[in-house]
N, C-alpha and C. Protein backbone atom coordinates (compact mmCIF):
# COMPACT_ATOMS: atom_id res chain seq x y z
N MET A 1 0.85 -1.20 0.00
CA MET A 1 0.00 0.00 0.00
C MET A 1 0.88 1.24 0.00
N PRO A 2 0.45 2.34 -0.64
CA PRO A 2 1.26 3.56 -0.67
C PRO A 2 1.25 4.30 0.68
N ILE A 3 2.28 4.08 1.47
CA ILE A 3 2.45 4.73 2.77
C ILE A 3 3.71 5.59 2.68
N TYR A 4 3.57 6.88 2.99
CA TYR A 4 4.69 7.79 2.80
C TYR A 4 5.04 8.53 4.09
N GLN A 5 6.33 8.60 4.36
CA GLN A 5 6.84 9.43 5.45
C GLN A 5 7.14 10.82 4.91
N ILE A 6 6.87 11.85 5.73
CA ILE A 6 7.26 13.21 5.38
C ILE A 6 7.68 13.94 6.66
N ASP A 7 8.76 14.69 6.58
CA ASP A 7 9.30 15.42 7.74
C ASP A 7 9.53 14.49 8.93
N GLY A 8 9.89 13.24 8.64
CA GLY A 8 10.16 12.28 9.70
C GLY A 8 8.93 11.65 10.33
N LEU A 9 7.73 11.97 9.83
CA LEU A 9 6.48 11.43 10.38
C LEU A 9 5.96 10.32 9.48
N THR A 10 5.73 9.15 10.10
CA THR A 10 5.28 7.96 9.38
C THR A 10 3.87 7.59 9.84
N PRO A 11 2.96 7.25 8.92
CA PRO A 11 1.62 6.82 9.32
C PRO A 11 1.65 5.61 10.25
N VAL A 12 0.65 5.53 11.12
CA VAL A 12 0.51 4.43 12.07
C VAL A 12 -0.72 3.61 11.69
N VAL A 13 -0.51 2.33 11.38
CA VAL A 13 -1.59 1.43 10.98
C VAL A 13 -1.50 0.16 11.83
N PRO A 14 -2.37 -0.01 12.83
CA PRO A 14 -2.32 -1.22 13.65
C PRO A 14 -2.59 -2.48 12.83
N GLU A 15 -2.08 -3.59 13.30
CA GLU A 15 -2.28 -4.86 12.62
C GLU A 15 -3.76 -5.18 12.46
N GLU A 16 -4.59 -4.72 13.40
CA GLU A 16 -6.02 -5.05 13.38
C GLU A 16 -6.82 -4.25 12.36
N SER A 17 -6.20 -3.29 11.70
CA SER A 17 -6.91 -2.46 10.72
C SER A 17 -6.59 -2.91 9.30
N PHE A 18 -7.42 -2.42 8.35
CA PHE A 18 -7.22 -2.75 6.94
C PHE A 18 -7.19 -1.47 6.11
N VAL A 19 -6.15 -1.33 5.31
CA VAL A 19 -6.01 -0.22 4.37
C VAL A 19 -5.90 -0.82 2.97
N HIS A 20 -6.81 -0.45 2.08
CA HIS A 20 -6.77 -0.99 0.72
C HIS A 20 -5.47 -0.58 0.03
N PRO A 21 -4.92 -1.47 -0.81
CA PRO A 21 -3.64 -1.17 -1.46
C PRO A 21 -3.62 0.08 -2.33
N THR A 22 -4.78 0.57 -2.77
CA THR A 22 -4.79 1.79 -3.59
C THR A 22 -5.02 3.05 -2.77
N ALA A 23 -5.27 2.93 -1.48
CA ALA A 23 -5.39 4.11 -0.62
C ALA A 23 -4.00 4.70 -0.37
N VAL A 24 -3.95 6.00 -0.08
CA VAL A 24 -2.68 6.69 0.16
C VAL A 24 -2.70 7.33 1.54
N LEU A 25 -1.69 7.02 2.35
CA LEU A 25 -1.51 7.62 3.68
C LEU A 25 -0.18 8.34 3.70
N ILE A 26 -0.21 9.63 4.10
CA ILE A 26 0.99 10.45 4.07
C ILE A 26 1.21 11.10 5.42
N GLY A 27 2.38 10.88 6.02
CA GLY A 27 2.81 11.64 7.17
C GLY A 27 2.10 11.33 8.47
N ASP A 28 1.60 12.38 9.13
CA ASP A 28 1.06 12.27 10.49
C ASP A 28 -0.37 11.75 10.47
N VAL A 29 -0.51 10.47 10.12
CA VAL A 29 -1.79 9.78 10.07
C VAL A 29 -1.77 8.68 11.12
N ILE A 30 -2.78 8.67 11.98
CA ILE A 30 -2.84 7.69 13.07
C ILE A 30 -4.18 6.97 13.01
N LEU A 31 -4.14 5.68 12.71
CA LEU A 31 -5.34 4.86 12.69
C LEU A 31 -5.47 4.09 14.00
N GLY A 32 -6.71 3.93 14.47
CA GLY A 32 -6.98 3.07 15.60
C GLY A 32 -7.12 1.63 15.16
N LYS A 33 -7.59 0.79 16.07
CA LYS A 33 -7.78 -0.63 15.78
C LYS A 33 -9.12 -0.86 15.07
N GLY A 34 -9.13 -1.85 14.18
CA GLY A 34 -10.36 -2.22 13.50
C GLY A 34 -10.86 -1.18 12.52
N VAL A 35 -9.98 -0.34 12.01
CA VAL A 35 -10.34 0.70 11.04
C VAL A 35 -10.31 0.13 9.62
N TYR A 36 -11.27 0.57 8.80
CA TYR A 36 -11.29 0.22 7.38
C TYR A 36 -11.04 1.48 6.57
N VAL A 37 -10.07 1.41 5.64
CA VAL A 37 -9.81 2.50 4.69
C VAL A 37 -9.94 1.92 3.29
N GLY A 38 -10.89 2.46 2.51
CA GLY A 38 -11.25 1.86 1.23
C GLY A 38 -10.40 2.30 0.05
N PRO A 39 -10.70 1.74 -1.13
CA PRO A 39 -9.93 2.03 -2.34
C PRO A 39 -9.88 3.52 -2.67
N ASN A 40 -8.69 3.98 -3.02
CA ASN A 40 -8.45 5.34 -3.51
C ASN A 40 -8.71 6.44 -2.48
N ALA A 41 -8.86 6.08 -1.23
CA ALA A 41 -8.95 7.11 -0.19
C ALA A 41 -7.60 7.80 -0.04
N SER A 42 -7.64 9.10 0.33
CA SER A 42 -6.42 9.87 0.53
C SER A 42 -6.44 10.50 1.91
N LEU A 43 -5.50 10.09 2.76
CA LEU A 43 -5.37 10.64 4.11
C LEU A 43 -4.01 11.33 4.18
N ARG A 44 -4.04 12.66 4.10
CA ARG A 44 -2.81 13.45 3.98
C ARG A 44 -2.50 14.16 5.28
N GLY A 45 -1.54 13.61 6.00
CA GLY A 45 -1.07 14.25 7.22
C GLY A 45 0.18 15.06 6.98
N ASP A 46 0.18 15.86 5.91
CA ASP A 46 1.35 16.66 5.57
C ASP A 46 1.26 18.10 6.06
N PHE A 47 0.07 18.55 6.48
CA PHE A 47 -0.11 19.86 7.10
C PHE A 47 -0.50 19.70 8.57
N GLY A 48 -1.61 18.98 8.82
CA GLY A 48 -2.08 18.71 10.17
C GLY A 48 -2.29 17.23 10.38
N ARG A 49 -2.45 16.84 11.64
CA ARG A 49 -2.61 15.42 11.98
C ARG A 49 -3.97 14.89 11.54
N ILE A 50 -3.96 13.64 11.06
CA ILE A 50 -5.17 12.91 10.70
C ILE A 50 -5.34 11.76 11.69
N VAL A 51 -6.49 11.70 12.36
CA VAL A 51 -6.75 10.65 13.35
C VAL A 51 -8.05 9.94 12.99
N VAL A 52 -8.00 8.62 12.88
CA VAL A 52 -9.19 7.80 12.66
C VAL A 52 -9.24 6.79 13.80
N LYS A 53 -10.22 6.91 14.66
CA LYS A 53 -10.24 6.11 15.89
C LYS A 53 -10.87 4.74 15.68
N ASP A 54 -10.79 3.92 16.73
CA ASP A 54 -11.16 2.50 16.66
C ASP A 54 -12.53 2.28 16.01
N GLY A 55 -12.58 1.30 15.11
CA GLY A 55 -13.85 0.85 14.55
C GLY A 55 -14.45 1.73 13.48
N ALA A 56 -13.77 2.81 13.11
CA ALA A 56 -14.30 3.72 12.09
C ALA A 56 -14.00 3.20 10.69
N ASN A 57 -14.74 3.72 9.70
CA ASN A 57 -14.45 3.38 8.31
C ASN A 57 -14.39 4.62 7.45
N ILE A 58 -13.43 4.63 6.53
CA ILE A 58 -13.22 5.70 5.56
C ILE A 58 -13.36 5.05 4.19
N GLN A 59 -14.44 5.33 3.49
CA GLN A 59 -14.76 4.55 2.29
C GLN A 59 -14.08 5.09 1.03
N ASP A 60 -14.39 4.46 -0.09
CA ASP A 60 -13.74 4.71 -1.37
C ASP A 60 -13.72 6.20 -1.72
N ASN A 61 -12.56 6.68 -2.18
CA ASN A 61 -12.38 8.04 -2.72
C ASN A 61 -12.55 9.16 -1.70
N CYS A 62 -12.58 8.84 -0.42
CA CYS A 62 -12.65 9.89 0.59
C CYS A 62 -11.33 10.64 0.68
N VAL A 63 -11.42 11.91 1.10
CA VAL A 63 -10.24 12.73 1.33
C VAL A 63 -10.28 13.28 2.74
N MET A 64 -9.18 13.11 3.49
CA MET A 64 -9.01 13.74 4.80
C MET A 64 -7.74 14.59 4.74
N HIS A 65 -7.88 15.88 5.08
CA HIS A 65 -6.76 16.80 5.03
C HIS A 65 -7.04 17.93 6.00
N GLY A 66 -6.04 18.75 6.32
CA GLY A 66 -6.25 19.85 7.24
C GLY A 66 -5.14 20.86 7.20
N PHE A 67 -5.28 21.89 8.04
CA PHE A 67 -4.29 22.96 8.15
C PHE A 67 -3.28 22.65 9.25
N PRO A 68 -2.12 23.34 9.26
CA PRO A 68 -1.16 23.16 10.35
C PRO A 68 -1.79 23.44 11.71
N GLU A 69 -1.37 22.66 12.71
CA GLU A 69 -1.84 22.80 14.09
C GLU A 69 -3.35 22.59 14.21
N GLN A 70 -3.92 21.83 13.29
CA GLN A 70 -5.35 21.56 13.32
C GLN A 70 -5.58 20.09 12.96
N ASP A 71 -5.99 19.29 13.94
CA ASP A 71 -6.23 17.87 13.69
C ASP A 71 -7.53 17.68 12.92
N THR A 72 -7.55 16.67 12.07
CA THR A 72 -8.78 16.21 11.43
C THR A 72 -9.07 14.84 12.02
N VAL A 73 -10.24 14.69 12.67
CA VAL A 73 -10.48 13.52 13.51
C VAL A 73 -11.82 12.86 13.16
N VAL A 74 -11.80 11.54 13.04
CA VAL A 74 -13.02 10.74 12.98
C VAL A 74 -13.05 9.89 14.25
N GLY A 75 -14.11 10.04 15.04
CA GLY A 75 -14.21 9.35 16.31
C GLY A 75 -14.51 7.87 16.19
N GLU A 76 -14.55 7.20 17.33
CA GLU A 76 -14.82 5.77 17.38
C GLU A 76 -16.12 5.44 16.64
N ASP A 77 -16.09 4.39 15.83
CA ASP A 77 -17.24 3.91 15.08
C ASP A 77 -17.78 4.94 14.09
N GLY A 78 -16.95 5.91 13.72
CA GLY A 78 -17.36 6.86 12.69
C GLY A 78 -17.51 6.18 11.34
N HIS A 79 -18.36 6.77 10.49
CA HIS A 79 -18.74 6.13 9.23
C HIS A 79 -18.71 7.21 8.14
N ILE A 80 -17.70 7.16 7.28
CA ILE A 80 -17.49 8.21 6.28
C ILE A 80 -17.75 7.63 4.90
N GLY A 81 -18.84 8.07 4.26
CA GLY A 81 -19.31 7.49 3.01
C GLY A 81 -18.44 7.85 1.81
N HIS A 82 -18.67 7.14 0.72
CA HIS A 82 -17.88 7.26 -0.50
C HIS A 82 -17.75 8.72 -0.95
N SER A 83 -16.52 9.11 -1.25
CA SER A 83 -16.18 10.42 -1.84
C SER A 83 -16.46 11.61 -0.93
N ALA A 84 -16.65 11.38 0.35
CA ALA A 84 -16.78 12.51 1.28
C ALA A 84 -15.42 13.19 1.47
N ILE A 85 -15.46 14.50 1.80
CA ILE A 85 -14.25 15.27 2.05
C ILE A 85 -14.32 15.84 3.46
N LEU A 86 -13.31 15.53 4.26
CA LEU A 86 -13.19 16.06 5.62
C LEU A 86 -11.94 16.92 5.67
N HIS A 87 -12.11 18.21 5.98
CA HIS A 87 -10.96 19.12 5.95
C HIS A 87 -10.88 19.87 7.28
N GLY A 88 -9.93 19.46 8.11
CA GLY A 88 -9.69 20.15 9.37
C GLY A 88 -10.87 20.16 10.31
N CYS A 89 -11.66 19.10 10.31
CA CYS A 89 -12.90 19.04 11.10
C CYS A 89 -12.85 17.90 12.12
N ILE A 90 -13.86 17.87 12.98
CA ILE A 90 -13.99 16.82 13.99
C ILE A 90 -15.31 16.10 13.78
N ILE A 91 -15.25 14.80 13.60
CA ILE A 91 -16.44 13.96 13.50
C ILE A 91 -16.49 13.13 14.78
N ARG A 92 -17.48 13.40 15.62
CA ARG A 92 -17.54 12.74 16.93
C ARG A 92 -17.93 11.27 16.80
N ARG A 93 -17.87 10.58 17.93
CA ARG A 93 -18.11 9.13 18.03
C ARG A 93 -19.44 8.73 17.38
N ASN A 94 -19.39 7.69 16.57
CA ASN A 94 -20.57 7.04 16.00
C ASN A 94 -21.36 7.94 15.05
N ALA A 95 -20.75 9.01 14.54
CA ALA A 95 -21.43 9.85 13.55
C ALA A 95 -21.19 9.31 12.15
N LEU A 96 -22.08 9.68 11.23
CA LEU A 96 -21.99 9.25 9.84
C LEU A 96 -21.96 10.48 8.94
N VAL A 97 -21.05 10.48 7.98
CA VAL A 97 -21.00 11.52 6.95
C VAL A 97 -21.31 10.85 5.62
N GLY A 98 -22.38 11.30 4.95
CA GLY A 98 -22.87 10.63 3.76
C GLY A 98 -22.01 10.85 2.53
N MET A 99 -22.34 10.13 1.49
CA MET A 99 -21.58 10.16 0.24
C MET A 99 -21.53 11.57 -0.36
N ASN A 100 -20.35 11.96 -0.80
CA ASN A 100 -20.10 13.26 -1.45
C ASN A 100 -20.32 14.47 -0.55
N ALA A 101 -20.51 14.26 0.74
CA ALA A 101 -20.64 15.39 1.66
C ALA A 101 -19.28 16.02 1.90
N VAL A 102 -19.29 17.32 2.28
CA VAL A 102 -18.07 18.06 2.58
C VAL A 102 -18.22 18.69 3.96
N VAL A 103 -17.23 18.47 4.82
CA VAL A 103 -17.21 19.07 6.16
C VAL A 103 -15.94 19.91 6.25
N MET A 104 -16.12 21.22 6.48
CA MET A 104 -15.01 22.17 6.36
C MET A 104 -14.28 22.41 7.68
N ASP A 105 -13.25 23.24 7.59
CA ASP A 105 -12.32 23.48 8.69
C ASP A 105 -13.00 24.01 9.94
N GLY A 106 -12.67 23.41 11.07
CA GLY A 106 -13.18 23.85 12.35
C GLY A 106 -14.59 23.41 12.65
N ALA A 107 -15.25 22.73 11.71
CA ALA A 107 -16.61 22.23 11.96
C ALA A 107 -16.55 21.02 12.89
N VAL A 108 -17.62 20.84 13.66
CA VAL A 108 -17.74 19.70 14.57
C VAL A 108 -19.10 19.05 14.34
N ILE A 109 -19.08 17.75 14.09
CA ILE A 109 -20.31 16.97 13.95
C ILE A 109 -20.51 16.18 15.23
N GLY A 110 -21.64 16.40 15.91
CA GLY A 110 -21.90 15.76 17.19
C GLY A 110 -22.04 14.26 17.09
N GLU A 111 -21.82 13.58 18.21
CA GLU A 111 -21.85 12.12 18.20
C GLU A 111 -23.24 11.61 17.83
N ASN A 112 -23.25 10.48 17.14
CA ASN A 112 -24.46 9.79 16.69
C ASN A 112 -25.24 10.55 15.62
N SER A 113 -24.72 11.66 15.11
CA SER A 113 -25.45 12.41 14.09
C SER A 113 -25.17 11.84 12.70
N ILE A 114 -26.05 12.17 11.75
CA ILE A 114 -25.92 11.74 10.37
C ILE A 114 -25.92 12.96 9.46
N VAL A 115 -24.86 13.12 8.69
CA VAL A 115 -24.77 14.17 7.68
C VAL A 115 -25.21 13.57 6.35
N GLY A 116 -26.26 14.13 5.75
CA GLY A 116 -26.82 13.57 4.53
C GLY A 116 -25.88 13.65 3.34
N ALA A 117 -26.13 12.81 2.35
CA ALA A 117 -25.33 12.80 1.13
C ALA A 117 -25.32 14.17 0.48
N SER A 118 -24.15 14.59 0.01
CA SER A 118 -23.93 15.85 -0.71
C SER A 118 -24.15 17.10 0.13
N ALA A 119 -24.26 16.96 1.44
CA ALA A 119 -24.38 18.14 2.30
C ALA A 119 -23.06 18.91 2.32
N PHE A 120 -23.15 20.22 2.61
CA PHE A 120 -21.96 21.06 2.75
C PHE A 120 -22.00 21.72 4.12
N VAL A 121 -21.11 21.29 5.01
CA VAL A 121 -21.05 21.83 6.36
C VAL A 121 -20.00 22.93 6.39
N LYS A 122 -20.43 24.15 6.68
CA LYS A 122 -19.54 25.31 6.62
C LYS A 122 -18.45 25.26 7.69
N ALA A 123 -17.38 26.00 7.45
CA ALA A 123 -16.29 26.11 8.41
C ALA A 123 -16.82 26.61 9.75
N LYS A 124 -16.32 26.01 10.83
CA LYS A 124 -16.62 26.37 12.21
C LYS A 124 -18.06 26.11 12.63
N ALA A 125 -18.83 25.42 11.79
CA ALA A 125 -20.19 25.04 12.18
C ALA A 125 -20.13 23.99 13.28
N GLU A 126 -20.98 24.09 14.27
CA GLU A 126 -21.06 23.10 15.35
C GLU A 126 -22.44 22.46 15.32
N MET A 127 -22.47 21.19 14.98
CA MET A 127 -23.71 20.46 14.84
C MET A 127 -23.97 19.60 16.07
N PRO A 128 -25.23 19.53 16.52
CA PRO A 128 -25.55 18.82 17.76
C PRO A 128 -25.47 17.31 17.60
N ALA A 129 -25.49 16.61 18.73
CA ALA A 129 -25.52 15.15 18.74
C ALA A 129 -26.91 14.64 18.38
N ASN A 130 -26.96 13.45 17.79
CA ASN A 130 -28.21 12.73 17.54
C ASN A 130 -29.15 13.44 16.57
N TYR A 131 -28.59 14.19 15.61
CA TYR A 131 -29.41 14.95 14.66
C TYR A 131 -29.14 14.54 13.22
N LEU A 132 -30.16 14.75 12.37
CA LEU A 132 -30.01 14.64 10.93
C LEU A 132 -29.59 16.00 10.40
N ILE A 133 -28.51 16.02 9.60
CA ILE A 133 -27.90 17.26 9.11
C ILE A 133 -27.88 17.20 7.59
N VAL A 134 -28.57 18.14 6.93
CA VAL A 134 -28.68 18.08 5.48
C VAL A 134 -28.60 19.48 4.88
N GLY A 135 -28.33 19.53 3.57
CA GLY A 135 -28.42 20.79 2.83
C GLY A 135 -27.08 21.44 2.56
N SER A 136 -27.15 22.57 1.82
CA SER A 136 -25.97 23.34 1.46
C SER A 136 -26.33 24.83 1.49
N PRO A 137 -25.95 25.53 2.56
CA PRO A 137 -25.18 25.05 3.71
C PRO A 137 -26.02 24.12 4.59
N ALA A 138 -25.35 23.20 5.25
CA ALA A 138 -26.06 22.18 6.03
C ALA A 138 -26.67 22.75 7.30
N LYS A 139 -27.83 22.19 7.66
CA LYS A 139 -28.51 22.55 8.90
C LYS A 139 -28.96 21.28 9.61
N ALA A 140 -28.99 21.33 10.94
CA ALA A 140 -29.53 20.22 11.73
C ALA A 140 -31.04 20.37 11.75
N ILE A 141 -31.76 19.44 11.11
CA ILE A 141 -33.20 19.66 10.91
C ILE A 141 -34.09 18.93 11.91
N ARG A 142 -33.61 17.82 12.45
CA ARG A 142 -34.44 17.10 13.43
C ARG A 142 -33.61 16.05 14.13
N GLU A 143 -34.13 15.58 15.27
CA GLU A 143 -33.47 14.48 15.98
C GLU A 143 -33.68 13.17 15.24
N LEU A 144 -32.71 12.29 15.36
CA LEU A 144 -32.80 10.97 14.74
C LEU A 144 -33.67 10.04 15.57
N SER A 145 -34.38 9.15 14.89
CA SER A 145 -35.19 8.16 15.58
C SER A 145 -34.32 6.98 16.03
N GLU A 146 -34.87 6.18 16.92
CA GLU A 146 -34.15 4.98 17.35
C GLU A 146 -33.89 4.04 16.17
N GLN A 147 -34.85 3.98 15.24
CA GLN A 147 -34.67 3.12 14.07
C GLN A 147 -33.52 3.62 13.20
N GLU A 148 -33.40 4.92 13.04
CA GLU A 148 -32.31 5.47 12.24
C GLU A 148 -30.96 5.24 12.90
N LEU A 149 -30.92 5.39 14.21
CA LEU A 149 -29.67 5.13 14.93
C LEU A 149 -29.26 3.66 14.82
N ALA A 150 -30.26 2.77 14.88
CA ALA A 150 -29.98 1.34 14.75
C ALA A 150 -29.49 1.02 13.34
N TRP A 151 -30.08 1.67 12.33
CA TRP A 151 -29.65 1.48 10.94
C TRP A 151 -28.20 1.89 10.77
N LYS A 152 -27.83 3.02 11.34
CA LYS A 152 -26.44 3.47 11.25
C LYS A 152 -25.51 2.47 11.92
N LYS A 153 -25.90 1.99 13.09
CA LYS A 153 -25.06 1.05 13.84
C LYS A 153 -24.84 -0.23 13.05
N GLN A 154 -25.89 -0.72 12.39
CA GLN A 154 -25.77 -1.94 11.60
C GLN A 154 -24.80 -1.74 10.43
N GLY A 155 -24.94 -0.61 9.73
CA GLY A 155 -24.06 -0.34 8.60
C GLY A 155 -22.59 -0.27 9.00
N THR A 156 -22.33 0.38 10.12
CA THR A 156 -20.95 0.47 10.61
C THR A 156 -20.42 -0.90 11.01
N HIS A 157 -21.27 -1.71 11.61
CA HIS A 157 -20.85 -3.06 11.99
C HIS A 157 -20.47 -3.88 10.76
N GLU A 158 -21.19 -3.69 9.66
CA GLU A 158 -20.85 -4.41 8.44
C GLU A 158 -19.43 -4.07 7.98
N TYR A 159 -19.05 -2.81 8.11
CA TYR A 159 -17.69 -2.42 7.73
C TYR A 159 -16.65 -2.95 8.72
N GLN A 160 -17.02 -3.07 9.98
CA GLN A 160 -16.09 -3.65 10.94
C GLN A 160 -15.85 -5.13 10.63
N VAL A 161 -16.91 -5.82 10.20
CA VAL A 161 -16.75 -7.20 9.76
C VAL A 161 -15.94 -7.26 8.47
N LEU A 162 -16.13 -6.27 7.60
CA LEU A 162 -15.39 -6.24 6.33
C LEU A 162 -13.88 -6.17 6.55
N VAL A 163 -13.45 -5.53 7.63
CA VAL A 163 -12.02 -5.52 7.95
C VAL A 163 -11.48 -6.94 8.03
N THR A 164 -12.18 -7.79 8.77
CA THR A 164 -11.75 -9.19 8.92
C THR A 164 -11.83 -9.93 7.60
N ARG A 165 -12.93 -9.73 6.86
CA ARG A 165 -13.08 -10.41 5.57
C ARG A 165 -11.94 -10.05 4.62
N CYS A 166 -11.61 -8.76 4.56
CA CYS A 166 -10.53 -8.33 3.67
C CYS A 166 -9.19 -8.90 4.08
N LYS A 167 -8.91 -8.88 5.37
CA LYS A 167 -7.62 -9.37 5.84
C LYS A 167 -7.48 -10.88 5.61
N GLN A 168 -8.60 -11.60 5.61
CA GLN A 168 -8.55 -13.05 5.47
C GLN A 168 -8.66 -13.52 4.02
N THR A 169 -9.42 -12.82 3.18
CA THR A 169 -9.74 -13.38 1.86
C THR A 169 -9.48 -12.47 0.67
N LEU A 170 -9.20 -11.18 0.88
CA LEU A 170 -9.00 -10.27 -0.25
C LEU A 170 -7.60 -10.43 -0.83
N HIS A 171 -7.51 -10.70 -2.11
CA HIS A 171 -6.21 -10.73 -2.78
C HIS A 171 -6.42 -10.48 -4.27
N GLN A 172 -5.41 -9.94 -4.91
CA GLN A 172 -5.50 -9.60 -6.32
C GLN A 172 -5.40 -10.86 -7.17
N VAL A 173 -6.26 -10.94 -8.21
CA VAL A 173 -6.29 -12.12 -9.08
C VAL A 173 -6.46 -11.66 -10.53
N GLU A 174 -6.26 -12.59 -11.45
CA GLU A 174 -6.62 -12.37 -12.84
C GLU A 174 -8.11 -12.68 -13.01
N PRO A 175 -8.83 -11.94 -13.86
CA PRO A 175 -10.26 -12.19 -14.01
C PRO A 175 -10.52 -13.52 -14.73
N LEU A 176 -11.68 -14.12 -14.43
CA LEU A 176 -12.14 -15.25 -15.21
C LEU A 176 -12.61 -14.76 -16.57
N ARG A 177 -12.50 -15.60 -17.58
CA ARG A 177 -12.95 -15.22 -18.92
C ARG A 177 -14.43 -15.50 -19.13
N GLU A 178 -14.98 -16.36 -18.29
CA GLU A 178 -16.42 -16.64 -18.33
C GLU A 178 -16.84 -17.14 -16.98
N ILE A 179 -18.14 -17.08 -16.71
CA ILE A 179 -18.64 -17.50 -15.41
C ILE A 179 -18.47 -19.01 -15.27
N GLU A 180 -18.01 -19.44 -14.10
CA GLU A 180 -17.80 -20.86 -13.90
C GLU A 180 -19.13 -21.56 -13.62
N PRO A 181 -19.26 -22.84 -14.01
CA PRO A 181 -20.49 -23.59 -13.74
C PRO A 181 -20.76 -23.69 -12.24
N GLY A 182 -22.02 -23.55 -11.87
CA GLY A 182 -22.40 -23.71 -10.47
C GLY A 182 -21.99 -22.57 -9.57
N ARG A 183 -21.65 -21.42 -10.14
CA ARG A 183 -21.22 -20.28 -9.32
C ARG A 183 -22.36 -19.86 -8.40
N ASN A 184 -22.02 -19.67 -7.14
CA ASN A 184 -23.01 -19.25 -6.15
C ASN A 184 -22.94 -17.75 -5.93
N ALA A 185 -24.07 -17.15 -5.62
CA ALA A 185 -24.12 -15.74 -5.23
C ALA A 185 -24.13 -15.67 -3.71
N TRP A 186 -23.25 -14.82 -3.18
CA TRP A 186 -23.15 -14.68 -1.74
C TRP A 186 -23.85 -13.40 -1.30
N TYR A 187 -24.53 -13.48 -0.19
CA TYR A 187 -25.24 -12.32 0.32
C TYR A 187 -24.90 -12.12 1.79
N LEU A 188 -24.84 -10.85 2.17
CA LEU A 188 -24.69 -10.53 3.59
C LEU A 188 -26.05 -10.61 4.25
N MET A 189 -26.11 -11.28 5.37
CA MET A 189 -27.36 -11.36 6.12
C MET A 189 -27.13 -10.85 7.53
N ARG A 190 -28.08 -10.06 8.03
CA ARG A 190 -28.00 -9.54 9.38
C ARG A 190 -28.82 -10.42 10.32
N ILE A 191 -28.25 -10.75 11.44
CA ILE A 191 -28.99 -11.39 12.51
C ILE A 191 -28.98 -10.43 13.68
N CYS A 192 -30.13 -9.86 14.00
CA CYS A 192 -30.19 -8.76 14.96
C CYS A 192 -31.01 -9.13 16.18
N ASP A 193 -30.54 -8.67 17.31
CA ASP A 193 -31.29 -8.74 18.55
C ASP A 193 -32.07 -7.44 18.67
N ARG A 194 -33.38 -7.48 18.51
CA ARG A 194 -34.18 -6.26 18.49
C ARG A 194 -34.13 -5.52 19.81
N ASN A 195 -33.92 -6.23 20.89
CA ASN A 195 -33.90 -5.58 22.19
C ASN A 195 -32.63 -4.76 22.40
N SER A 196 -31.51 -5.24 21.90
CA SER A 196 -30.24 -4.55 22.13
C SER A 196 -29.72 -3.82 20.90
N ASN A 197 -30.38 -4.04 19.73
CA ASN A 197 -29.91 -3.49 18.46
C ASN A 197 -28.52 -4.00 18.07
N ARG A 198 -28.10 -5.09 18.71
CA ARG A 198 -26.82 -5.69 18.34
C ARG A 198 -27.02 -6.65 17.18
N CYS A 199 -26.09 -6.60 16.25
CA CYS A 199 -26.20 -7.43 15.06
C CYS A 199 -24.90 -8.18 14.82
N LYS A 200 -25.01 -9.33 14.21
CA LYS A 200 -23.82 -9.97 13.67
C LYS A 200 -24.10 -10.26 12.20
N ILE A 201 -23.06 -10.31 11.43
CA ILE A 201 -23.17 -10.49 9.99
C ILE A 201 -22.66 -11.88 9.62
N ILE A 202 -23.43 -12.58 8.81
CA ILE A 202 -22.96 -13.87 8.31
C ILE A 202 -23.03 -13.86 6.79
N LEU A 203 -22.20 -14.67 6.16
CA LEU A 203 -22.27 -14.87 4.73
C LEU A 203 -23.12 -16.10 4.47
N SER A 204 -24.05 -15.97 3.51
CA SER A 204 -24.95 -17.08 3.25
C SER A 204 -25.15 -17.26 1.76
N LEU A 205 -25.30 -18.50 1.33
CA LEU A 205 -25.63 -18.78 -0.06
C LEU A 205 -27.08 -18.41 -0.33
């Protein structure tokens, strides 16, 4: 994977985390345990520190960057959707930033909140916990329901399981020229405890 040192600072990637081989980590980047970093993500710790805490995921084509003396942080169990941009901001524990959303310098997203797809969160905006945040410029429009919070938790858990799946079975291959006889389709299935909202993921034919 493309891991680069700059000014004597080397990214930190625990054994328990997974970084896709096409993702790029530069300089002062610190990943927690059980973190997933997807294809073509760019985490540039060449100006300010980049921190991704335990159990968080940074999906395909995401960008994390910041200014000097300003950390860019994704909290525990954070969920950053495809092509989102985080610049010098703080994403609190268990928050979700949707696909193509942008969160600017000095902004703070409260824990358990959801930033909708393509939202634009202005610099220094402070968003409350447990809220749905949408629009351009983004606004916190309402509190999240228990069902929405459970949905977010399930999605993040799937990415935490994906870390293990990737570390155990992901490898580069040559493509098949035609579909093999008897090929099975695999599906992710959730088994959830409705009382605790805890889920486990299994692969099933």
